[in-house]
């Protein structure tokens, strides 16, 4: 599934075409795990809740409830489709609604919250970041190429992941552009211990930049 990019230590390239699809328990869609820590065994990572952090891509085929994860912070990004509405349910009904209508719209919520998903017009694809808050913190930013595609950016934290959400992007790490890595839609570059590593993005696309920091 993964390979070391250009021989660079601590840098792993995960191709979207190699991700394994696993059905949801309720039959409402499928999920493809991109990466997780600790790494799951036996190929059952998509169904396991035993993680510190996990990133995945889900295809949502029908409306219905989300699985609940106590103690987990969730970030969801719409990748494709007409959109979805995520209703947070309380004792008196819908307490609030996250509206995702455009690609790269983001919703952040507590994994223990009761969430009911409504599809705007047909199936959607979304990106999911889940982090167990008692042992780690996770941040997600959207980086777009084009207007400032040559401006350097900084990767920090214990783990950084760059997921190509659309288009094609070439990532250059530090000054070593001879080892630049091209990401097509659905590909991910995982960097262990980046420690304020400078990177550049060129091309025409969008990247989800995820930073994980362990708190204990």
Protein backbone atom coordinates (compact mmCIF):
# COMPACT_ATOMS: atom_id res chain seq x y z
CA UNK A 1 0.00 0.00 0.00
CA UNK A 2 2.75 2.44 0.91
CA UNK A 3 6.31 3.03 -0.17
CA UNK A 4 9.12 5.29 0.95
CA UNK A 5 9.16 8.34 -1.30
CA UNK A 6 12.42 8.69 -3.17
CA UNK A 7 14.26 6.84 -0.41
CA UNK A 8 13.68 9.65 2.12
CA UNK A 9 13.64 8.32 5.69
CA UNK A 10 10.38 8.91 7.53
CA UNK A 11 8.44 9.88 4.41
CA UNK A 12 5.84 7.44 3.09
CA UNK A 13 3.74 7.76 -0.05
CA UNK A 14 0.27 6.19 0.09
CA UNK A 15 -1.46 5.88 -3.26
CA UNK A 16 -5.21 6.39 -3.28
CA UNK A 17 -5.62 3.65 -5.87
CA UNK A 18 -4.20 1.12 -3.38
CA UNK A 19 -6.64 1.85 -0.54
CA UNK A 20 -8.94 -1.02 0.42
CA UNK A 21 -12.71 -0.37 0.50
CA UNK A 22 -14.64 -1.75 3.49
CA UNK A 23 -18.47 -1.57 3.85
CA UNK A 24 -20.03 0.27 6.75
CA UNK A 25 -21.78 -1.91 9.29
CA UNK A 26 -25.11 -0.20 8.53
CA UNK A 27 -24.65 -0.54 4.76
CA UNK A 28 -24.85 3.21 4.23
CA UNK A 29 -21.52 3.49 2.44
CA UNK A 30 -17.92 2.34 2.29
CA UNK A 31 -14.72 3.59 3.88
CA UNK A 32 -11.07 3.44 2.86
CA UNK A 33 -8.52 3.82 5.63
CA UNK A 34 -5.57 6.00 4.59
CA UNK A 35 -3.45 5.70 7.73
CA UNK A 36 -3.81 5.15 11.46
CA UNK A 37 -1.74 4.91 14.62
CA UNK A 38 -1.18 2.38 15.93
CA UNK A 39 -1.30 0.57 12.59
CA UNK A 40 -4.18 -1.92 12.59
CA UNK A 41 -3.52 -5.62 12.16
CA UNK A 42 -5.35 -8.14 10.06
CA UNK A 43 -6.74 -5.58 7.62
CA UNK A 44 -9.59 -4.68 9.99
CA UNK A 45 -8.58 -1.06 10.63
CA UNK A 46 -11.73 0.34 9.05
CA UNK A 47 -13.87 -1.36 11.69
CA UNK A 48 -11.57 -0.86 14.68
CA UNK A 49 -11.97 1.91 17.26
CA UNK A 50 -8.58 1.12 18.83
CA UNK A 51 -6.61 4.07 17.46
CA UNK A 52 -4.84 7.22 18.65
CA UNK A 53 -5.54 8.86 15.28
CA UNK A 54 -7.03 7.73 12.01
CA UNK A 55 -7.56 9.28 8.58
CA UNK A 56 -9.90 7.79 6.01
CA UNK A 57 -12.01 8.51 2.93
CA UNK A 58 -15.70 7.55 2.95
CA UNK A 59 -18.28 7.22 0.20
CA UNK A 60 -21.72 7.97 1.67
CA UNK A 61 -24.47 6.32 -0.36
CA UNK A 62 -27.52 7.14 1.76
CA UNK A 63 -28.74 9.21 4.67
CA UNK A 64 -28.38 7.83 8.16
CA UNK A 65 -26.57 7.98 11.52
CA UNK A 66 -22.82 8.23 11.99
CA UNK A 67 -20.96 5.83 14.23
CA UNK A 68 -20.17 7.36 17.62
CA UNK A 69 -16.67 7.52 19.12
CA UNK A 70 -16.38 8.59 22.75
CA UNK A 71 -13.34 10.73 23.53
CA UNK A 72 -12.59 11.42 19.86
CA UNK A 73 -12.44 14.76 18.03
CA UNK A 74 -13.64 14.47 14.43
CA UNK A 75 -12.98 16.64 11.39
CA UNK A 76 -14.87 15.93 8.16
CA UNK A 77 -14.15 17.53 4.77
CA UNK A 78 -16.45 17.23 1.76
CA UNK A 79 -14.47 15.99 -1.26
CA UNK A 80 -17.11 15.34 -3.92
CA UNK A 81 -20.86 15.31 -4.46
CA UNK A 82 -23.66 17.82 -4.02
CA UNK A 83 -23.13 17.98 -0.28
CA UNK A 84 -24.48 16.80 3.04
CA UNK A 85 -26.13 18.19 6.15
CA UNK A 86 -24.94 16.81 9.47
CA UNK A 87 -27.57 17.21 12.18
CA UNK A 88 -26.33 17.16 15.78
CA UNK A 89 -29.11 15.55 17.79
CA UNK A 90 -29.94 16.47 21.37
CA UNK A 91 -32.70 15.42 23.75
CA UNK A 92 -35.11 17.90 22.14
CA UNK A 93 -34.25 17.07 18.53
CA UNK A 94 -31.80 18.78 16.18
CA UNK A 95 -29.50 21.04 18.21
CA UNK A 96 -27.41 22.32 15.28
CA UNK A 97 -26.54 21.46 11.69
CA UNK A 98 -23.19 21.40 9.89
CA UNK A 99 -23.75 22.42 6.26
CA UNK A 100 -21.28 21.09 3.67
CA UNK A 101 -22.29 22.09 0.15
CA UNK A 102 -19.01 22.86 -1.62
CA UNK A 103 -15.92 20.68 -1.95
CA UNK A 104 -13.47 21.40 0.89
CA UNK A 105 -16.23 22.59 3.26
CA UNK A 106 -15.29 21.45 6.78
CA UNK A 107 -17.24 20.23 9.81
CA UNK A 108 -15.65 19.72 13.24
CA UNK A 109 -17.51 17.91 16.03
CA UNK A 110 -17.23 15.63 19.05
CA UNK A 111 -17.18 11.99 18.02
CA UNK A 112 -19.56 11.11 20.84
CA UNK A 113 -22.27 13.40 19.45
CA UNK A 114 -25.31 11.82 17.83
CA UNK A 115 -24.99 12.77 14.16
CA UNK A 116 -27.60 12.16 11.47
CA UNK A 117 -26.41 12.75 7.90
CA UNK A 118 -28.71 14.01 5.13
CA UNK A 119 -27.56 14.01 1.52
CA UNK A 120 -28.36 17.09 -0.56
CA UNK A 121 -28.56 15.31 -3.91
CA UNK A 122 -27.04 11.84 -4.14
CA UNK A 123 -23.90 10.17 -2.88
CA UNK A 124 -20.91 12.08 -1.52
CA UNK A 125 -17.28 11.41 -0.74
CA UNK A 126 -15.64 12.86 2.35
CA UNK A 127 -12.34 12.87 4.20
CA UNK A 128 -12.28 12.02 7.91
CA UNK A 129 -9.74 12.83 10.62
CA UNK A 130 -10.32 11.25 14.03
CA UNK A 131 -8.05 11.93 17.02
CA UNK A 132 -8.37 10.59 20.56
CA UNK A 133 -8.21 13.78 22.58
CA UNK A 134 -6.74 12.34 25.79
CA UNK A 135 -3.50 11.35 24.04
CA UNK A 136 -3.18 13.59 20.96
CA UNK A 137 -4.27 16.75 19.18
CA UNK A 138 -4.97 17.08 15.48
CA UNK A 139 -5.25 20.07 13.14
CA UNK A 140 -6.41 20.20 9.53
CA UNK A 141 -5.86 23.05 7.09
CA UNK A 142 -6.66 23.41 3.40
CA UNK A 143 -3.70 24.40 1.24
CA UNK A 144 -4.49 25.53 -2.31
CA UNK A 145 -1.95 25.89 -5.07
CA UNK A 146 -2.12 28.54 -7.75
CA UNK A 147 -1.95 32.11 -6.47
CA UNK A 148 0.87 31.43 -4.00
CA UNK A 149 1.99 28.03 -5.16
CA UNK A 150 5.69 28.82 -4.72
CA UNK A 151 5.38 30.15 -1.17
CA UNK A 152 7.08 27.79 1.31
CA UNK A 153 5.02 26.19 4.02
CA UNK A 154 6.06 24.51 7.26
CA UNK A 155 5.26 21.00 8.49
CA UNK A 156 5.54 20.50 12.24
CA UNK A 157 4.38 18.15 14.98
CA UNK A 158 4.93 14.43 15.57
CA UNK A 159 3.28 13.36 12.31
CA UNK A 160 2.17 15.34 9.25
CA UNK A 161 0.02 14.09 6.39
CA UNK A 162 -0.60 15.80 3.06
CA UNK A 163 -3.70 14.44 1.31
CA UNK A 164 -4.34 15.56 -2.28
CA UNK A 165 -8.02 16.45 -2.28
CA UNK A 166 -8.15 17.43 -5.96
CA UNK A 167 -5.95 18.00 -8.99
CA UNK A 168 -2.25 17.19 -8.98
CA UNK A 169 0.35 18.67 -6.65
CA UNK A 170 4.12 18.22 -6.42
CA UNK A 171 5.51 18.45 -2.88
CA UNK A 172 9.13 19.49 -2.40
CA UNK A 173 10.54 18.90 1.08
CA UNK A 174 13.15 21.35 2.41
CA UNK A 175 15.61 22.38 -0.34
CA UNK A 176 15.89 18.90 -1.83
CA UNK A 177 13.68 19.29 -4.88
CA UNK A 178 15.45 16.35 -6.53
CA UNK A 179 13.31 14.22 -4.22
CA UNK A 180 10.03 16.02 -4.87
CA UNK A 181 6.92 13.83 -4.77
CA UNK A 182 3.91 14.14 -7.08
CA UNK A 183 0.49 13.61 -5.49
CA UNK A 184 -2.55 12.89 -7.64
CA UNK A 185 -6.11 13.09 -6.31
CA UNK A 186 -6.47 10.66 -3.39
CA UNK A 187 -2.73 10.25 -2.73
CA UNK A 188 -1.20 10.99 0.69
CA UNK A 189 2.32 11.86 1.82
CA UNK A 190 2.99 10.92 5.46
CA UNK A 191 5.97 12.52 7.24
CA UNK A 192 7.12 11.25 10.64
CA UNK A 193 8.60 13.87 12.97
CA UNK A 194 8.76 16.76 10.48
CA UNK A 195 10.08 19.21 13.11
CA UNK A 196 9.44 22.51 11.30
CA UNK A 197 10.24 20.99 7.90
CA UNK A 198 9.85 23.47 5.05
CA UNK A 199 7.93 22.30 2.00
CA UNK A 200 6.72 23.79 -1.26
CA UNK A 201 3.68 22.97 -3.37
CA UNK A 202 3.48 23.36 -7.12
CA UNK A 203 0.82 22.32 -9.58
CA UNK A 204 -2.90 22.87 -9.74
CA UNK A 205 -4.82 21.36 -6.87
CA UNK A 206 -5.71 21.36 -3.18
CA UNK A 207 -4.09 19.59 -0.26
CA UNK A 208 -5.46 18.77 3.18
CA UNK A 209 -2.57 19.35 5.60
CA UNK A 210 -2.96 17.35 8.81
CA UNK A 211 -0.73 17.78 11.84
CA UNK A 212 -0.76 15.33 14.77
CA UNK A 213 0.84 16.11 18.13
CA UNK A 214 1.00 13.54 20.91
CA UNK A 215 0.23 14.95 24.35
CA UNK A 216 1.41 11.95 26.33
